[in-house]
Amino acid sequence: MDQFLLKEVVIQQNDFHLDENTIEREIDLPTDRLITIITGIRRCGKSTLLQQIRKKNTENNYYLNFDDERLFKFQLEDFQTLIEIFIALYGKQNTYYFDEIQNVEGWERFIRRLHDEGNKIYITGSNAKMLSRELGTHLTGRYIQIELFPFSFSEFLKFNHFEIPNDSFYKADTKALLNNYFDEYFEIGGFPDFIKTKNPEYLNSLYESILYRDILVRNKILTEYKIKNLVFFISSNISKLISYNNLKSIIDVKHPETVKKYLTYLQNSYLIFLIYKFDYSIKKQIINPQKVYFIDTGLASSTGFSFSENKGRFLGNIVFLELKRRKKDIYYFKKEKECDFLIFSNKKIKEAIQITVSLENHETYKREIDGLINAMKEYNLKNGTIITRNERKSLEIDGLTINVVPIWQWLLEK
């Protein structure tokens, strides 16, 4: 790459572009020398977080964002030139910041060298694949991963300058405000820029960017309509069971392996997530249908087909994402009855969680209670949780305790 152009990019990018209204994300940043790798879907706030980290550190000049069209010719051998430019411009420093570094083939070899020389490195990337083969081969034991998601409900409240009083959830005015804020969060999701603008074209543009840059181009896919059909089906069927064979006919491909490959691409871009039916046999987990969830309810609404049944499924999607933020190992349960989420920890099931809009309907009440109790008895759990839109009570059934909580309360109770 032309070194004078590279120097120009470094100088222009070195200015801080940090909105004063940005909020602190609810994550724990490591302070040791391990490489910090921040991954997540495009536009969820990774670059802003990286700028916040830079602003707090005294060494903050060694920064480059590779998601810049002027760097499309940047190759592995250009990293040494980059280091020389950094030193010439800003003197010797030992902290590096790289945005969307996965755009450079072989980047992990350079990062390993930097780390082994005693430097601290912060990296962002929009592809989960960068944490698999590349890091497993070259950076084992040298990095810590942080997965960043669109705003949680708590971060959404902070963005709107709403602070929950200490004595809080049971006051009528607080409950009313939290309900209103949750309705908005449910509708628009958590992408920071969309929350600011509420421009519907933003989500369309974001989806196109993810689709073309992170899925089609990166994986060299030529038939975009099949991927589009797959995303449309998934965003219209959040939390439902899917199988490779069923999807094969829906998106018009010949082999289940093609569906599996496409789903992997969507997962690598952080657009979707799949969870297994729990079984102590890994083989049985793999052969059973999986449940599918989406990265954001606002983005799902803009890419899929919305109907009244979506309300309960979107509630489940919000709960799923919060469980992911809390780093839970998540499965679903299905035997005679079904339970939405099982949480696995220390080699056993520790929690069972059921999601429903309301328990007021008798048929719904029986279905949700029976499914939860079925799971609780299967794994010897004394307590279970039903998350609803706005109901709160405690139930004692067959010697088991079921806590029914509003979703806004559950999301705010860490």
Foldseek 3Di string as FASTA:
>chain_A
DPLVLVLVQLVVVQDQDADPLDDDDPDDDDDDQFAEEEEEFPQQCPVNNLSVVLVVDPPRSQEDECVDVSCLVPEPVCVVSSVVSSCVVPNDDQEHEYEQVVSYPPVLQVVLVSSVVPGRYYYYHQFQCCVPPSCVVRPPPRHDYDYGAFDALVSLCVSVVHDADPVGDPDPVRVVVLLVSVVVCLAAWGRVVCVVPVDLVVLVVSVVCCLVVQFCVVVVNDDSQLLLQVLQVCLAAAFDWDALVVSCVSSVHDDSVVVVVSVSSCVRSVQKDWAFADDPDPVVRVPGTIGMEGRINNSSVSSYDDDPVVVQSSLLNSVVVLCVNVVWRWHWHDDPATFRTWTDDPHATDATEHTDADCPDPVSVCRRVVRRVVVCVVRVHQEYEYEHQQDFDWDADPNHIYTYHYSSVVSPPD
